[in-house]
Structures are given as C-alpha cells and as structure tokens.
Amino acid sequence: MGDTKLYASPSTDLNSPENIIRQVYQALKAKGYDPITQLVGYILSGDPTYITSYNQARSLIRRLERDEIIEELVSHYVSHKLER
C-alpha cells in the first residue's frame, strides 16, 4: 500500500495507439505518401507494405492490432466531431 504508481496519460505514452498512429502518419507524409490512403490500405488488407519502413513506422504500426487502430480513429473522430 506504500508504493506509489506513476500514471502515464495516453498522450505521453510513446506506445499508445494515438502516438503510434501520429508517428506513422508523419513518416508517411515525410516520404511523400498520402497517409490516409496508406493507412486505409493497411487497415483493410493487413499488408504492412502499405506503411513505409522510414523511421520504423512499419514496425510501430505492427505493435497495434488493426481493430485497435480503428477504435482509436473512431474514438478520436467522435470526441472531436460529434461531441462538441
């Protein structure tokens, strides 16, 4: 009971879906790809070659299940577009 636990908010957790998606998005954009098209291709097919290996983006995106990515995107959309 004397131990203090450190809470890491999702925005500061480097392995959170939000941060992984952000890093992958930035890597795709930096390499000249349309990040939305590439992410949709990956989500629909599961084929990691839709994601560049630049800045380890492909490795990062594979840490997440595709349903986790969809959940993060829908959650973000709902909280920012529908629940204002």
C-alpha atoms as a PDB file:
ATOM      1  CA  MET A   1       0.000   0.000   0.000  1.00  0.00           C
ATOM      2  CA  GLY A   2       3.003   2.283   0.389  1.00  0.00           C
ATOM      3  CA  ASP A   3       4.025   2.045  -3.275  1.00  0.00           C
ATOM      4  CA  THR A   4       3.236   4.984  -5.494  1.00  0.00           C
ATOM      5  CA  LYS A   5       2.206   4.176  -9.032  1.00  0.00           C
ATOM      6  CA  LEU A   6       3.041   6.540 -11.834  1.00  0.00           C
ATOM      7  CA  TYR A   7       0.165   7.241 -14.184  1.00  0.00           C
ATOM      8  CA  ALA A   8       1.177   7.881 -17.775  1.00  0.00           C
ATOM      9  CA  SER A   9      -1.505   9.724 -19.673  1.00  0.00           C
ATOM     10  CA  PRO A  10      -2.167   8.364 -23.170  1.00  0.00           C
ATOM     11  CA  SER A  11      -0.770  11.488 -24.800  1.00  0.00           C
ATOM     12  CA  THR A  12       2.658  10.950 -23.204  1.00  0.00           C
ATOM     13  CA  ASP A  13       2.812   7.165 -23.605  1.00  0.00           C
ATOM     14  CA  LEU A  14       5.013   6.569 -26.653  1.00  0.00           C
ATOM     15  CA  ASN A  15       3.371   3.185 -27.234  1.00  0.00           C
ATOM     16  CA  SER A  16      -0.202   4.462 -27.107  1.00  0.00           C
ATOM     17  CA  PRO A  17      -2.263   3.971 -30.261  1.00  0.00           C
ATOM     18  CA  GLU A  18      -2.540   7.758 -30.591  1.00  0.00           C
ATOM     19  CA  ASN A  19       1.212   8.274 -30.616  1.00  0.00           C
ATOM     20  CA  ILE A  20       1.946   5.303 -32.849  1.00  0.00           C
ATOM     21  CA  ILE A  21      -0.604   6.491 -35.410  1.00  0.00           C
ATOM     22  CA  ARG A  22       0.854  10.013 -35.202  1.00  0.00           C
ATOM     23  CA  GLN A  23       4.416   8.759 -35.797  1.00  0.00           C
ATOM     24  CA  VAL A  24       3.334   6.544 -38.688  1.00  0.00           C
ATOM     25  CA  TYR A  25       1.333   9.395 -40.219  1.00  0.00           C
ATOM     26  CA  GLN A  26       4.341  11.719 -40.009  1.00  0.00           C
ATOM     27  CA  ALA A  27       6.665   9.114 -41.549  1.00  0.00           C
ATOM     28  CA  LEU A  28       4.280   8.512 -44.455  1.00  0.00           C
ATOM     29  CA  LYS A  29       3.921  12.244 -45.051  1.00  0.00           C
ATOM     30  CA  ALA A  30       7.706  12.772 -44.869  1.00  0.00           C
ATOM     31  CA  LYS A  31       8.213  10.162 -47.592  1.00  0.00           C
ATOM     32  CA  GLY A  32       5.623  11.824 -49.857  1.00  0.00           C
ATOM     33  CA  TYR A  33       2.792   9.326 -49.427  1.00  0.00           C
ATOM     34  CA  ASP A  34      -0.854  10.170 -48.786  1.00  0.00           C
ATOM     35  CA  PRO A  35      -1.077   8.978 -45.153  1.00  0.00           C
ATOM     36  CA  ILE A  36      -4.850   8.489 -45.208  1.00  0.00           C
ATOM     37  CA  THR A  37      -4.771   6.278 -48.305  1.00  0.00           C
ATOM     38  CA  GLN A  38      -1.856   4.234 -46.990  1.00  0.00           C
ATOM     39  CA  LEU A  39      -3.420   3.745 -43.546  1.00  0.00           C
ATOM     40  CA  VAL A  40      -6.742   2.715 -45.084  1.00  0.00           C
ATOM     41  CA  GLY A  41      -4.924   0.217 -47.306  1.00  0.00           C
ATOM     42  CA  TYR A  42      -3.171  -1.233 -44.278  1.00  0.00           C
ATOM     43  CA  ILE A  43      -6.326  -1.396 -42.151  1.00  0.00           C
ATOM     44  CA  LEU A  44      -8.339  -3.102 -44.893  1.00  0.00           C
ATOM     45  CA  SER A  45      -5.701  -5.587 -46.004  1.00  0.00           C
ATOM     46  CA  GLY A  46      -3.356  -6.061 -43.066  1.00  0.00           C
ATOM     47  CA  ASP A  47      -0.480  -5.805 -45.548  1.00  0.00           C
ATOM     48  CA  PRO A  48       2.352  -3.951 -43.777  1.00  0.00           C
ATOM     49  CA  THR A  49       3.917  -2.876 -47.081  1.00  0.00           C
ATOM     50  CA  TYR A  50       1.328  -0.080 -47.196  1.00  0.00           C
ATOM     51  CA  ILE A  51       3.392   1.513 -44.415  1.00  0.00           C
ATOM     52  CA  THR A  52       6.878   2.854 -45.049  1.00  0.00           C
ATOM     53  CA  SER A  53       9.771   1.449 -43.072  1.00  0.00           C
ATOM     54  CA  TYR A  54      11.106   5.008 -42.702  1.00  0.00           C
ATOM     55  CA  ASN A  55      11.601   5.907 -39.012  1.00  0.00           C
ATOM     56  CA  GLN A  56      10.485   2.360 -38.138  1.00  0.00           C
ATOM     57  CA  ALA A  57       6.870   3.233 -38.989  1.00  0.00           C
ATOM     58  CA  ARG A  58       6.130  -0.279 -40.248  1.00  0.00           C
ATOM     59  CA  SER A  59       7.467  -1.814 -37.065  1.00  0.00           C
ATOM     60  CA  LEU A  60       5.473   0.635 -34.949  1.00  0.00           C
ATOM     61  CA  ILE A  61       2.146   0.052 -36.703  1.00  0.00           C
ATOM     62  CA  ARG A  62       2.530  -3.705 -36.278  1.00  0.00           C
ATOM     63  CA  ARG A  63       2.522  -3.237 -32.494  1.00  0.00           C
ATOM     64  CA  LEU A  64      -1.180  -2.478 -32.804  1.00  0.00           C
ATOM     65  CA  GLU A  65      -3.980  -4.773 -33.873  1.00  0.00           C
ATOM     66  CA  ARG A  66      -5.988  -3.324 -36.734  1.00  0.00           C
ATOM     67  CA  ASP A  67      -9.102  -3.183 -34.545  1.00  0.00           C
ATOM     68  CA  GLU A  68      -7.136  -1.037 -32.057  1.00  0.00           C
ATOM     69  CA  ILE A  69      -6.322   1.392 -34.864  1.00  0.00           C
ATOM     70  CA  ILE A  70      -9.964   1.566 -35.928  1.00  0.00           C
ATOM     71  CA  GLU A  71     -11.074   2.052 -32.320  1.00  0.00           C
ATOM     72  CA  GLU A  72      -8.592   4.917 -31.844  1.00  0.00           C
ATOM     73  CA  LEU A  73      -9.630   6.620 -35.088  1.00  0.00           C
ATOM     74  CA  VAL A  74     -13.373   6.302 -34.399  1.00  0.00           C
ATOM     75  CA  SER A  75     -12.944   7.435 -30.797  1.00  0.00           C
ATOM     76  CA  HIS A  76     -10.960  10.478 -31.904  1.00  0.00           C
ATOM     77  CA  TYR A  77     -13.497  11.320 -34.611  1.00  0.00           C
ATOM     78  CA  VAL A  78     -16.477  11.022 -32.262  1.00  0.00           C
ATOM     79  CA  SER A  79     -14.867  13.048 -29.480  1.00  0.00           C
ATOM     80  CA  HIS A  80     -13.717  15.828 -31.821  1.00  0.00           C
ATOM     81  CA  LYS A  81     -16.512  15.969 -34.389  1.00  0.00           C
ATOM     82  CA  LEU A  82     -19.684  14.733 -32.725  1.00  0.00           C
ATOM     83  CA  GLU A  83     -19.346  15.542 -29.030  1.00  0.00           C
ATOM     84  CA  ARG A  84     -18.525  19.226 -29.158  1.00  0.00           C
END
